[in-house]
PDB file of N, CA and C in Angstrom:
ATOM      1  N   MET A   1      -1.230  -3.421  -0.291  1.00  0.00           N
ATOM      2  CA  MET A   1      -0.004  -3.513   0.422  1.00  0.00           C
ATOM      3  C   MET A   1       0.812  -4.713  -0.016  1.00  0.00           C
ATOM      4  N   THR A   2       0.363  -5.381  -0.999  1.00  0.00           N
ATOM      5  CA  THR A   2       1.100  -6.546  -1.441  1.00  0.00           C
ATOM      6  C   THR A   2       1.481  -6.407  -2.893  1.00  0.00           C
ATOM      7  N   THR A   3       2.343  -7.310  -3.315  1.00  0.00           N
ATOM      8  CA  THR A   3       2.650  -7.382  -4.724  1.00  0.00           C
ATOM      9  C   THR A   3       1.456  -7.979  -5.427  1.00  0.00           C
ATOM     10  N   SER A   4       1.422  -7.854  -6.744  1.00  0.00           N
ATOM     11  CA  SER A   4       0.246  -8.271  -7.489  1.00  0.00           C
ATOM     12  C   SER A   4       0.014  -9.777  -7.448  1.00  0.00           C
ATOM     13  N   ASN A   5       1.059 -10.579  -7.218  1.00  0.00           N
ATOM     14  CA  ASN A   5       0.875 -12.021  -7.258  1.00  0.00           C
ATOM     15  C   ASN A   5       0.851 -12.675  -5.878  1.00  0.00           C
ATOM     16  N   GLN A   6       0.875 -11.910  -4.823  1.00  0.00           N
ATOM     17  CA  GLN A   6       0.906 -12.494  -3.483  1.00  0.00           C
ATOM     18  C   GLN A   6      -0.149 -11.829  -2.599  1.00  0.00           C
ATOM     19  N   PRO A   7      -0.924 -12.649  -1.862  1.00  0.00           N
ATOM     20  CA  PRO A   7      -1.956 -12.075  -0.994  1.00  0.00           C
ATOM     21  C   PRO A   7      -1.345 -11.378   0.216  1.00  0.00           C
ATOM     22  N   ASP A   8      -2.139 -10.551   0.846  1.00  0.00           N
ATOM     23  CA  ASP A   8      -1.711  -9.859   2.058  1.00  0.00           C
ATOM     24  C   ASP A   8      -1.992 -10.774   3.245  1.00  0.00           C
ATOM     25  N   PHE A   9      -0.949 -11.420   3.746  1.00  0.00           N
ATOM     26  CA  PHE A   9      -1.119 -12.378   4.821  1.00  0.00           C
ATOM     27  C   PHE A   9      -1.530 -11.715   6.129  1.00  0.00           C
ATOM     28  N   TYR A  10      -1.120 -10.479   6.328  1.00  0.00           N
ATOM     29  CA  TYR A  10      -1.532  -9.769   7.544  1.00  0.00           C
ATOM     30  C   TYR A  10      -3.047  -9.551   7.530  1.00  0.00           C
ATOM     31  N   ALA A  11      -3.570  -9.163   6.377  1.00  0.00           N
ATOM     32  CA  ALA A  11      -5.019  -8.962   6.265  1.00  0.00           C
ATOM     33  C   ALA A  11      -5.761 -10.290   6.388  1.00  0.00           C
ATOM     34  N   THR A  12      -5.186 -11.348   5.840  1.00  0.00           N
ATOM     35  CA  THR A  12      -5.809 -12.664   5.932  1.00  0.00           C
ATOM     36  C   THR A  12      -5.989 -13.079   7.387  1.00  0.00           C
ATOM     37  N   LEU A  13      -4.953 -12.843   8.188  1.00  0.00           N
ATOM     38  CA  LEU A  13      -5.044 -13.190   9.609  1.00  0.00           C
ATOM     39  C   LEU A  13      -5.775 -12.122  10.423  1.00  0.00           C
ATOM     40  N   GLY A  14      -5.866 -10.919   9.884  1.00  0.00           N
ATOM     41  CA  GLY A  14      -6.544  -9.842  10.597  1.00  0.00           C
ATOM     42  C   GLY A  14      -5.686  -9.200  11.667  1.00  0.00           C
ATOM     43  N   VAL A  15      -4.388  -9.103  11.406  1.00  0.00           N
ATOM     44  CA  VAL A  15      -3.466  -8.472  12.349  1.00  0.00           C
ATOM     45  C   VAL A  15      -2.710  -7.355  11.638  1.00  0.00           C
ATOM     46  N   LYS A  16      -2.128  -6.465  12.427  1.00  0.00           N
ATOM     47  CA  LYS A  16      -1.308  -5.395  11.876  1.00  0.00           C
ATOM     48  C   LYS A  16       0.099  -5.933  11.610  1.00  0.00           C
ATOM     49  N   PRO A  17       0.826  -5.337  10.675  1.00  0.00           N
ATOM     50  CA  PRO A  17       2.201  -5.769  10.424  1.00  0.00           C
ATOM     51  C   PRO A  17       3.121  -5.605  11.633  1.00  0.00           C
ATOM     52  N   THR A  18       2.724  -4.807  12.589  1.00  0.00           N
ATOM     53  CA  THR A  18       3.546  -4.596  13.786  1.00  0.00           C
ATOM     54  C   THR A  18       3.194  -5.561  14.914  1.00  0.00           C
ATOM     55  N   ALA A  19       2.293  -6.493  14.664  1.00  0.00           N
ATOM     56  CA  ALA A  19       1.843  -7.426  15.700  1.00  0.00           C
ATOM     57  C   ALA A  19       2.986  -8.334  16.144  1.00  0.00           C
ATOM     58  N   SER A  20       2.952  -8.685  17.414  1.00  0.00           N
ATOM     59  CA  SER A  20       3.979  -9.581  17.968  1.00  0.00           C
ATOM     60  C   SER A  20       3.693 -11.016  17.530  1.00  0.00           C
ATOM     61  N   ALA A  21       4.698 -11.868  17.682  1.00  0.00           N
ATOM     62  CA  ALA A  21       4.551 -13.273  17.309  1.00  0.00           C
ATOM     63  C   ALA A  21       3.468 -13.945  18.157  1.00  0.00           C
ATOM     64  N   ALA A  22       3.407 -13.601  19.431  1.00  0.00           N
ATOM     65  CA  ALA A  22       2.389 -14.183  20.315  1.00  0.00           C
ATOM     66  C   ALA A  22       0.982 -13.758  19.896  1.00  0.00           C
ATOM     67  N   GLU A  23       0.846 -12.500  19.532  1.00  0.00           N
ATOM     68  CA  GLU A  23      -0.465 -12.004  19.091  1.00  0.00           C
ATOM     69  C   GLU A  23      -0.889 -12.684  17.794  1.00  0.00           C
ATOM     70  N   ILE A  24       0.052 -12.850  16.877  1.00  0.00           N
ATOM     71  CA  ILE A  24      -0.255 -13.498  15.601  1.00  0.00           C
ATOM     72  C   ILE A  24      -0.695 -14.939  15.836  1.00  0.00           C
ATOM     73  N   GLU A  25       0.014 -15.638  16.706  1.00  0.00           N
ATOM     74  CA  GLU A  25      -0.338 -17.030  16.988  1.00  0.00           C
ATOM     75  C   GLU A  25      -1.718 -17.129  17.630  1.00  0.00           C
ATOM     76  N   SER A  26      -2.013 -16.230  18.547  1.00  0.00           N
ATOM     77  CA  SER A  26      -3.306 -16.233  19.218  1.00  0.00           C
ATOM     78  C   SER A  26      -4.445 -15.994  18.231  1.00  0.00           C
ATOM     79  N   VAL A  27      -4.279 -14.997  17.387  1.00  0.00           N
ATOM     80  CA  VAL A  27      -5.313 -14.687  16.390  1.00  0.00           C
ATOM     81  C   VAL A  27      -5.464 -15.848  15.416  1.00  0.00           C
ATOM     82  N   TYR A  28      -4.344 -16.422  14.993  1.00  0.00           N
ATOM     83  CA  TYR A  28      -4.379 -17.558  14.068  1.00  0.00           C
ATOM     84  C   TYR A  28      -5.153 -18.729  14.658  1.00  0.00           C
ATOM     85  N   ARG A  29      -4.862 -19.080  15.900  1.00  0.00           N
ATOM     86  CA  ARG A  29      -5.527 -20.230  16.528  1.00  0.00           C
ATOM     87  C   ARG A  29      -7.037 -20.012  16.669  1.00  0.00           C
ATOM     88  N   ARG A  30      -7.418 -18.797  17.064  1.00  0.00           N
ATOM     89  CA  ARG A  30      -8.860 -18.500  17.192  1.00  0.00           C
ATOM     90  C   ARG A  30      -9.545 -18.542  15.831  1.00  0.00           C
ATOM     91  N   ALA A  31      -8.919 -17.946  14.824  1.00  0.00           N
ATOM     92  CA  ALA A  31      -9.521 -17.907  13.489  1.00  0.00           C
ATOM     93  C   ALA A  31      -9.588 -19.301  12.872  1.00  0.00           C
ATOM     94  N   LEU A  32      -8.557 -20.093  13.073  1.00  0.00           N
ATOM     95  CA  LEU A  32      -8.551 -21.451  12.534  1.00  0.00           C
ATOM     96  C   LEU A  32      -9.624 -22.303  13.204  1.00  0.00           C
ATOM     97  N   LYS A  33      -9.773 -22.150  14.502  1.00  0.00           N
ATOM     98  CA  LYS A  33     -10.805 -22.892  15.231  1.00  0.00           C
ATOM     99  C   LYS A  33     -12.198 -22.530  14.708  1.00  0.00           C
ATOM    100  N   ALA A  34     -12.420 -21.231  14.476  1.00  0.00           N
ATOM    101  CA  ALA A  34     -13.716 -20.770  13.954  1.00  0.00           C
ATOM    102  C   ALA A  34     -13.952 -21.288  12.533  1.00  0.00           C
ATOM    103  N   ALA A  35     -12.911 -21.294  11.716  1.00  0.00           N
ATOM    104  CA  ALA A  35     -13.051 -21.759  10.337  1.00  0.00           C
ATOM    105  C   ALA A  35     -13.354 -23.253  10.292  1.00  0.00           C
ATOM    106  N   ARG A  36     -12.689 -24.010  11.146  1.00  0.00           N
ATOM    107  CA  ARG A  36     -12.948 -25.455  11.185  1.00  0.00           C
ATOM    108  C   ARG A  36     -14.338 -25.749  11.736  1.00  0.00           C
ATOM    109  N   ALA A  37     -14.776 -24.973  12.718  1.00  0.00           N
ATOM    110  CA  ALA A  37     -16.108 -25.182  13.298  1.00  0.00           C
ATOM    111  C   ALA A  37     -17.216 -24.881  12.288  1.00  0.00           C
ATOM    112  N   SER A  38     -16.984 -23.884  11.434  1.00  0.00           N
ATOM    113  CA  SER A  38     -17.998 -23.532  10.442  1.00  0.00           C
ATOM    114  C   SER A  38     -17.898 -24.391   9.184  1.00  0.00           C
ATOM    115  N   GLY A  39     -16.847 -25.195   9.090  1.00  0.00           N
ATOM    116  CA  GLY A  39     -16.717 -26.098   7.950  1.00  0.00           C
ATOM    117  C   GLY A  39     -16.189 -25.445   6.686  1.00  0.00           C
ATOM    118  N   THR A  40     -15.554 -24.292   6.798  1.00  0.00           N
ATOM    119  CA  THR A  40     -15.011 -23.621   5.621  1.00  0.00           C
ATOM    120  C   THR A  40     -13.540 -24.009   5.457  1.00  0.00           C
ATOM    121  N   ALA A  41     -13.335 -25.056   4.667  1.00  0.00           N
ATOM    122  CA  ALA A  41     -11.990 -25.587   4.450  1.00  0.00           C
ATOM    123  C   ALA A  41     -11.116 -24.591   3.691  1.00  0.00           C
ATOM    124  N   ALA A  42     -11.712 -23.836   2.790  1.00  0.00           N
ATOM    125  CA  ALA A  42     -10.938 -22.862   2.010  1.00  0.00           C
ATOM    126  C   ALA A  42     -10.378 -21.776   2.923  1.00  0.00           C
ATOM    127  N   ARG A  43     -11.188 -21.314   3.856  1.00  0.00           N
ATOM    128  CA  ARG A  43     -10.730 -20.282   4.799  1.00  0.00           C
ATOM    129  C   ARG A  43      -9.630 -20.843   5.704  1.00  0.00           C
ATOM    130  N   ALA A  44      -9.787 -22.079   6.140  1.00  0.00           N
ATOM    131  CA  ALA A  44      -8.771 -22.707   6.980  1.00  0.00           C
ATOM    132  C   ALA A  44      -7.455 -22.829   6.218  1.00  0.00           C
ATOM    133  N   ALA A  45      -7.525 -23.173   4.941  1.00  0.00           N
ATOM    134  CA  ALA A  45      -6.316 -23.289   4.121  1.00  0.00           C
ATOM    135  C   ALA A  45      -5.638 -21.927   3.954  1.00  0.00           C
ATOM    136  N   GLU A  46      -6.433 -20.865   3.772  1.00  0.00           N
ATOM    137  CA  GLU A  46      -5.881 -19.506   3.670  1.00  0.00           C
ATOM    138  C   GLU A  46      -5.156 -19.120   4.959  1.00  0.00           C
ATOM    139  N   LEU A  47      -5.798 -19.400   6.078  1.00  0.00           N
ATOM    140  CA  LEU A  47      -5.203 -19.075   7.375  1.00  0.00           C
ATOM    141  C   LEU A  47      -3.900 -19.835   7.593  1.00  0.00           C
ATOM    142  N   GLN A  48      -3.883 -21.114   7.228  1.00  0.00           N
ATOM    143  CA  GLN A  48      -2.684 -21.920   7.412  1.00  0.00           C
ATOM    144  C   GLN A  48      -1.547 -21.419   6.523  1.00  0.00           C
ATOM    145  N   ALA A  49      -1.871 -21.041   5.281  1.00  0.00           N
ATOM    146  CA  ALA A  49      -0.839 -20.511   4.373  1.00  0.00           C
ATOM    147  C   ALA A  49      -0.282 -19.194   4.903  1.00  0.00           C
ATOM    148  N   ALA A  50      -1.164 -18.347   5.415  1.00  0.00           N
ATOM    149  CA  ALA A  50      -0.720 -17.061   5.954  1.00  0.00           C
ATOM    150  C   ALA A  50       0.145 -17.256   7.194  1.00  0.00           C
ATOM    151  N   TYR A  51      -0.270 -18.162   8.071  1.00  0.00           N
ATOM    152  CA  TYR A  51       0.495 -18.394   9.288  1.00  0.00           C
ATOM    153  C   TYR A  51       1.834 -19.065   8.998  1.00  0.00           C
ATOM    154  N   ALA A  52       1.892 -19.875   7.950  1.00  0.00           N
ATOM    155  CA  ALA A  52       3.153 -20.523   7.582  1.00  0.00           C
ATOM    156  C   ALA A  52       4.216 -19.477   7.256  1.00  0.00           C
ATOM    157  N   VAL A  53       3.793 -18.358   6.698  1.00  0.00           N
ATOM    158  CA  VAL A  53       4.740 -17.289   6.359  1.00  0.00           C
ATOM    159  C   VAL A  53       4.920 -16.331   7.526  1.00  0.00           C
ATOM    160  N   ILE A  54       3.826 -15.836   8.074  1.00  0.00           N
ATOM    161  CA  ILE A  54       3.886 -14.817   9.123  1.00  0.00           C
ATOM    162  C   ILE A  54       4.338 -15.417  10.458  1.00  0.00           C
ATOM    163  N   GLY A  55       4.048 -16.683  10.694  1.00  0.00           N
ATOM    164  CA  GLY A  55       4.413 -17.316  11.949  1.00  0.00           C
ATOM    165  C   GLY A  55       5.875 -17.714  12.048  1.00  0.00           C
ATOM    166  N   ASN A  56       6.556 -17.794  10.924  1.00  0.00           N
ATOM    167  CA  ASN A  56       7.970 -18.155  10.898  1.00  0.00           C
ATOM    168  C   ASN A  56       8.798 -16.865  10.835  1.00  0.00           C
ATOM    169  N   PRO A  57       9.642 -16.593  11.829  1.00  0.00           N
ATOM    170  CA  PRO A  57      10.373 -15.316  11.854  1.00  0.00           C
ATOM    171  C   PRO A  57      11.223 -15.049  10.604  1.00  0.00           C
ATOM    172  N   ALA A  58      11.884 -16.061  10.074  1.00  0.00           N
ATOM    173  CA  ALA A  58      12.729 -15.868   8.888  1.00  0.00           C
ATOM    174  C   ALA A  58      11.871 -15.557   7.661  1.00  0.00           C
ATOM    175  N   GLU A  59      10.796 -16.314   7.484  1.00  0.00           N
ATOM    176  CA  GLU A  59       9.924 -16.074   6.337  1.00  0.00           C
ATOM    177  C   GLU A  59       9.171 -14.751   6.484  1.00  0.00           C
ATOM    178  N   ARG A  60       8.822 -14.392   7.704  1.00  0.00           N
ATOM    179  CA  ARG A  60       8.142 -13.119   7.937  1.00  0.00           C
ATOM    180  C   ARG A  60       9.050 -11.952   7.562  1.00  0.00           C
ATOM    181  N   SER A  61      10.320 -12.056   7.902  1.00  0.00           N
ATOM    182  CA  SER A  61      11.282 -11.013   7.566  1.00  0.00           C
ATOM    183  C   SER A  61      11.413 -10.861   6.047  1.00  0.00           C
ATOM    184  N   ALA A  62      11.508 -11.980   5.352  1.00  0.00           N
ATOM    185  CA  ALA A  62      11.605 -11.939   3.885  1.00  0.00           C
ATOM    186  C   ALA A  62      10.318 -11.378   3.279  1.00  0.00           C
ATOM    187  N   TYR A  63       9.184 -11.779   3.825  1.00  0.00           N
ATOM    188  CA  TYR A  63       7.886 -11.292   3.343  1.00  0.00           C
ATOM    189  C   TYR A  63       7.768  -9.779   3.541  1.00  0.00           C
ATOM    190  N   ASP A  64       8.177  -9.297   4.720  1.00  0.00           N
ATOM    191  CA  ASP A  64       8.139  -7.857   4.991  1.00  0.00           C
ATOM    192  C   ASP A  64       9.053  -7.092   4.032  1.00  0.00           C
ATOM    193  N   SER A  65      10.194  -7.671   3.702  1.00  0.00           N
ATOM    194  CA  SER A  65      11.103  -7.033   2.745  1.00  0.00           C
ATOM    195  C   SER A  65      10.445  -6.915   1.375  1.00  0.00           C
ATOM    196  N   ARG A  66       9.757  -7.970   0.964  1.00  0.00           N
ATOM    197  CA  ARG A  66       9.049  -7.922  -0.326  1.00  0.00           C
ATOM    198  C   ARG A  66       7.934  -6.881  -0.291  1.00  0.00           C
ATOM    199  N   LEU A  67       7.249  -6.769   0.849  1.00  0.00           N
ATOM    200  CA  LEU A  67       6.191  -5.762   0.974  1.00  0.00           C
ATOM    201  C   LEU A  67       6.762  -4.356   0.853  1.00  0.00           C
ATOM    202  N   ARG A  68       7.899  -4.106   1.528  1.00  0.00           N
ATOM    203  CA  ARG A  68       8.524  -2.784   1.456  1.00  0.00           C
ATOM    204  C   ARG A  68       8.986  -2.477   0.039  1.00  0.00           C
ATOM    205  N   ALA A  69       9.549  -3.462  -0.644  1.00  0.00           N
ATOM    206  CA  ALA A  69       9.999  -3.257  -2.024  1.00  0.00           C
ATOM    207  C   ALA A  69       8.804  -2.957  -2.924  1.00  0.00           C
ATOM    208  N   GLY A  70       7.700  -3.660  -2.698  1.00  0.00           N
ATOM    209  CA  GLY A  70       6.493  -3.412  -3.485  1.00  0.00           C
ATOM    210  C   GLY A  70       5.925  -2.028  -3.220  1.00  0.00           C
ATOM    211  N   ALA A  71       5.982  -1.585  -1.967  1.00  0.00           N
ATOM    212  CA  ALA A  71       5.480  -0.251  -1.622  1.00  0.00           C
ATOM    213  C   ALA A  71       6.333   0.825  -2.282  1.00  0.00           C
ATOM    214  N   LYS A  72       7.654   0.623  -2.305  1.00  0.00           N
ATOM    215  CA  LYS A  72       8.533   1.588  -2.966  1.00  0.00           C
ATOM    216  C   LYS A  72       8.233   1.652  -4.460  1.00  0.00           C
ATOM    217  N   GLU A  73       7.993   0.488  -5.073  1.00  0.00           N
ATOM    218  CA  GLU A  73       7.697   0.452  -6.501  1.00  0.00           C
ATOM    219  C   GLU A  73       6.368   1.151  -6.791  1.00  0.00           C
ATOM    220  N   ARG A  74       5.348   0.921  -5.947  1.00  0.00           N
ATOM    221  CA  ARG A  74       4.064   1.595  -6.160  1.00  0.00           C
ATOM    222  C   ARG A  74       4.206   3.101  -5.993  1.00  0.00           C
ATOM    223  N   LYS A  75       5.021   3.535  -5.034  1.00  0.00           N
ATOM    224  CA  LYS A  75       5.248   4.962  -4.823  1.00  0.00           C
ATOM    225  C   LYS A  75       5.945   5.571  -6.037  1.00  0.00           C
ATOM    226  N   LYS A  76       6.903   4.843  -6.581  1.00  0.00           N
ATOM    227  CA  LYS A  76       7.617   5.304  -7.776  1.00  0.00           C
ATOM    228  C   LYS A  76       6.654   5.415  -8.967  1.00  0.00           C
ATOM    229  N   GLN A  77       5.806   4.403  -9.135  1.00  0.00           N
ATOM    230  CA  GLN A  77       4.844   4.428 -10.240  1.00  0.00           C
ATOM    231  C   GLN A  77       3.840   5.565 -10.074  1.00  0.00           C
ATOM    232  N   ALA A  78       3.439   5.848  -8.842  1.00  0.00           N
ATOM    233  CA  ALA A  78       2.519   6.953  -8.597  1.00  0.00           C
ATOM    234  C   ALA A  78       3.176   8.288  -8.933  1.00  0.00           C
ATOM    235  N   ALA A  79       4.457   8.432  -8.594  1.00  0.00           N
ATOM    236  CA  ALA A  79       5.173   9.667  -8.926  1.00  0.00           C
ATOM    237  C   ALA A  79       5.283   9.841 -10.433  1.00  0.00           C
ATOM    238  N   ILE A  80       5.508   8.751 -11.137  1.00  0.00           N
ATOM    239  CA  ILE A  80       5.573   8.816 -12.606  1.00  0.00           C
ATOM    240  C   ILE A  80       4.217   9.190 -13.169  1.00  0.00           C
ATOM    241  N   ALA A  81       3.157   8.628 -12.612  1.00  0.00           N
ATOM    242  CA  ALA A  81       1.807   8.947 -13.089  1.00  0.00           C
ATOM    243  C   ALA A  81       1.484  10.418 -12.870  1.00  0.00           C
ATOM    244  N   VAL A  82       1.872  10.960 -11.714  1.00  0.00           N
ATOM    245  CA  VAL A  82       1.634  12.378 -11.440  1.00  0.00           C
ATOM    246  C   VAL A  82       2.458  13.235 -12.388  1.00  0.00           C
ATOM    247  N   ALA A  83       3.689  12.833 -12.644  1.00  0.00           N
ATOM    248  CA  ALA A  83       4.549  13.606 -13.533  1.00  0.00           C
ATOM    249  C   ALA A  83       4.010  13.632 -14.954  1.00  0.00           C
ATOM    250  N   ASN A  84       3.320  12.581 -15.347  1.00  0.00           N
ATOM    251  CA  ASN A  84       2.791  12.511 -16.710  1.00  0.00           C
ATOM    252  C   ASN A  84       1.329  12.921 -16.826  1.00  0.00           C
ATOM    253  N   ASP A  85       0.726  13.357 -15.744  1.00  0.00           N
ATOM    254  CA  ASP A  85      -0.691  13.737 -15.760  1.00  0.00           C
ATOM    255  C   ASP A  85      -0.848  15.105 -16.419  1.00  0.00           C
ATOM    256  N   PRO A  86      -1.566  15.162 -17.542  1.00  0.00           N
ATOM    257  CA  PRO A  86      -1.722  16.448 -18.235  1.00  0.00           C
ATOM    258  C   PRO A  86      -2.495  17.481 -17.413  1.00  0.00           C
ATOM    259  N   ALA A  87      -3.346  17.028 -16.492  1.00  0.00           N
ATOM    260  CA  ALA A  87      -4.107  17.975 -15.674  1.00  0.00           C
ATOM    261  C   ALA A  87      -3.203  18.743 -14.718  1.00  0.00           C
ATOM    262  N   LEU A  88      -2.051  18.176 -14.386  1.00  0.00           N
ATOM    263  CA  LEU A  88      -1.131  18.829 -13.463  1.00  0.00           C
ATOM    264  C   LEU A  88      -0.065  19.648 -14.181  1.00  0.00           C
ATOM    265  N   LYS A  89      -0.105  19.680 -15.495  1.00  0.00           N
ATOM    266  CA  LYS A  89       0.922  20.395 -16.256  1.00  0.00           C
ATOM    267  C   LYS A  89       1.033  21.863 -15.860  1.00  0.00           C
ATOM    268  N   PRO A  90      -0.071  22.586 -15.659  1.00  0.00           N
ATOM    269  CA  PRO A  90       0.083  23.992 -15.252  1.00  0.00           C
ATOM    270  C   PRO A  90       0.814  24.142 -13.912  1.00  0.00           C
ATOM    271  N   LEU A  91       0.650  23.202 -13.023  1.00  0.00           N
ATOM    272  CA  LEU A  91       1.331  23.293 -11.733  1.00  0.00           C
ATOM    273  C   LEU A  91       2.815  22.957 -11.853  1.00  0.00           C
ATOM    274  N   ARG A  92       3.130  21.994 -12.699  1.00  0.00           N
ATOM    275  CA  ARG A  92       4.524  21.604 -12.869  1.00  0.00           C
ATOM    276  C   ARG A  92       5.324  22.683 -13.571  1.00  0.00           C
ATOM    277  N   HIS A  93       4.685  23.415 -14.456  1.00  0.00           N
ATOM    278  CA  HIS A  93       5.395  24.377 -15.285  1.00  0.00           C
ATOM    279  C   HIS A  93       4.964  25.815 -14.999  1.00  0.00           C
ATOM    280  N   HIS A  94       4.537  26.073 -13.763  1.00  0.00           N
ATOM    281  CA  HIS A  94       4.045  27.411 -13.462  1.00  0.00           C
ATOM    282  C   HIS A  94       5.127  28.465 -13.636  1.00  0.00           C
ATOM    283  N   HIS A  95       6.374  28.109 -13.502  1.00  0.00           N
ATOM    284  CA  HIS A  95       7.430  29.097 -13.653  1.00  0.00           C
ATOM    285  C   HIS A  95       7.590  29.531 -15.101  1.00  0.00           C
ATOM    286  N   ARG A  96       7.130  28.732 -16.062  1.00  0.00           N
ATOM    287  CA  ARG A  96       7.218  29.088 -17.478  1.00  0.00           C
ATOM    288  C   ARG A  96       6.037  29.951 -17.918  1.00  0.00           C
ATOM    289  N   VAL A  97       4.968  29.945 -17.130  1.00  0.00           N
ATOM    290  CA  VAL A  97       3.746  30.640 -17.501  1.00  0.00           C
ATOM    291  C   VAL A  97       3.790  32.109 -17.107  1.00  0.00           C
ATOM    292  N   THR A  98       4.715  32.462 -16.248  1.00  0.00           N
ATOM    293  CA  THR A  98       4.733  33.823 -15.726  1.00  0.00           C
ATOM    294  C   THR A  98       4.908  34.842 -16.841  1.00  0.00           C
ATOM    295  N   THR A  99       4.317  35.995 -16.634  1.00  0.00           N
ATOM    296  CA  THR A  99       4.437  37.080 -17.603  1.00  0.00           C
ATOM    297  C   THR A  99       5.450  38.087 -17.091  1.00  0.00           C
ATOM    298  N   LYS A 100       5.898  38.922 -17.986  1.00  0.00           N
ATOM    299  CA  LYS A 100       6.899  39.917 -17.617  1.00  0.00           C
ATOM    300  C   LYS A 100       6.325  40.850 -16.552  1.00  0.00           C
ATOM    301  N   GLY A 101       7.065  41.025 -15.460  1.00  0.00           N
ATOM    302  CA  GLY A 101       6.630  41.897 -14.390  1.00  0.00           C
ATOM    303  C   GLY A 101       5.782  41.197 -13.336  1.00  0.00           C
ATOM    304  N   SER A 102       5.485  39.926 -13.554  1.00  0.00           N
ATOM    305  CA  SER A 102       4.679  39.181 -12.598  1.00  0.00           C
ATOM    306  C   SER A 102       5.589  38.477 -11.599  1.00  0.00           C
ATOM    307  N   SER A 103       5.110  38.296 -10.387  1.00  0.00           N
ATOM    308  CA  SER A 103       5.915  37.647  -9.362  1.00  0.00           C
ATOM    309  C   SER A 103       5.911  36.127  -9.510  1.00  0.00           C
ATOM    310  N   GLY A 104       5.014  35.576 -10.256  1.00  0.00           N
ATOM    311  CA  GLY A 104       4.914  34.126 -10.399  1.00  0.00           C
ATOM    312  C   GLY A 104       3.914  33.523  -9.433  1.00  0.00           C
ATOM    313  N   LEU A 105       3.724  34.172  -8.301  1.00  0.00           N
ATOM    314  CA  LEU A 105       2.789  33.645  -7.310  1.00  0.00           C
ATOM    315  C   LEU A 105       1.362  33.693  -7.845  1.00  0.00           C
ATOM    316  N   LEU A 106       1.028  34.785  -8.500  1.00  0.00           N
ATOM    317  CA  LEU A 106      -0.308  34.912  -9.069  1.00  0.00           C
ATOM    318  C   LEU A 106      -0.556  33.819 -10.107  1.00  0.00           C
ATOM    319  N   ASP A 107       0.449  33.552 -10.933  1.00  0.00           N
ATOM    320  CA  ASP A 107       0.302  32.501 -11.935  1.00  0.00           C
ATOM    321  C   ASP A 107       0.158  31.127 -11.287  1.00  0.00           C
ATOM    322  N   PHE A 108       0.885  30.911 -10.227  1.00  0.00           N
ATOM    323  CA  PHE A 108       0.782  29.637  -9.526  1.00  0.00           C
ATOM    324  C   PHE A 108      -0.612  29.465  -8.935  1.00  0.00           C
ATOM    325  N   VAL A 109      -1.139  30.519  -8.307  1.00  0.00           N
ATOM    326  CA  VAL A 109      -2.477  30.454  -7.718  1.00  0.00           C
ATOM    327  C   VAL A 109      -3.505  30.225  -8.812  1.00  0.00           C
ATOM    328  N   TRP A 110      -3.335  30.883  -9.952  1.00  0.00           N
ATOM    329  CA  TRP A 110      -4.262  30.699 -11.067  1.00  0.00           C
ATOM    330  C   TRP A 110      -4.197  29.257 -11.577  1.00  0.00           C
ATOM    331  N   ALA A 111      -2.997  28.711 -11.703  1.00  0.00           N
ATOM    332  CA  ALA A 111      -2.851  27.335 -12.157  1.00  0.00           C
ATOM    333  C   ALA A 111      -3.484  26.377 -11.165  1.00  0.00           C
ATOM    334  N   LEU A 112      -3.332  26.655  -9.888  1.00  0.00           N
ATOM    335  CA  LEU A 112      -3.954  25.831  -8.859  1.00  0.00           C
ATOM    336  C   LEU A 112      -5.469  25.907  -8.951  1.00  0.00           C
ATOM    337  N   PHE A 113      -5.985  27.092  -9.172  1.00  0.00           N
ATOM    338  CA  PHE A 113      -7.415  27.266  -9.340  1.00  0.00           C
ATOM    339  C   PHE A 113      -7.912  26.481 -10.562  1.00  0.00           C
ATOM    340  N   GLU A 114      -7.191  26.550 -11.665  1.00  0.00           N
ATOM    341  CA  GLU A 114      -7.577  25.851 -12.882  1.00  0.00           C
ATOM    342  C   GLU A 114      -7.576  24.336 -12.653  1.00  0.00           C
ATOM    343  N   TRP A 115      -6.625  23.888 -11.862  1.00  0.00           N
ATOM    344  CA  TRP A 115      -6.513  22.452 -11.632  1.00  0.00           C
ATOM    345  C   TRP A 115      -7.710  21.944 -10.841  1.00  0.00           C
ATOM    346  N   PHE A 116      -8.156  22.703  -9.845  1.00  0.00           N
ATOM    347  CA  PHE A 116      -9.279  22.270  -9.018  1.00  0.00           C
ATOM    348  C   PHE A 116     -10.637  22.527  -9.666  1.00  0.00           C
ATOM    349  N   ARG A 117     -10.686  23.317 -10.718  1.00  0.00           N
ATOM    350  CA  ARG A 117     -11.941  23.645 -11.369  1.00  0.00           C
ATOM    351  C   ARG A 117     -12.515  22.494 -12.093  1.00  0.00           C
TER     352      ARG A 117
END
């Protein structure tokens, strides 16, 4: 759910992207207290970095925008990958495979069968 160079701060804090500011703060404080009690400074630093972005409404809005842009880009790349997948070629071009006098449905079902085989 993130871009390749940025961690998922929602996952770091263990909250959903739809979580309220109060819920995020509560989870952050409990997690930070646990991290400090166990002596894991690296985990505490991760939590603080995540809360610095998610806890600030302006930065959270910008972060969410970047997440949405990244999701759109991944969806676009997936569509390109499907379009270029040779295994799906019979399904993409089923209308060209039809024979004279055929309804096309039979060819489509056959192509679907071949794809799952």
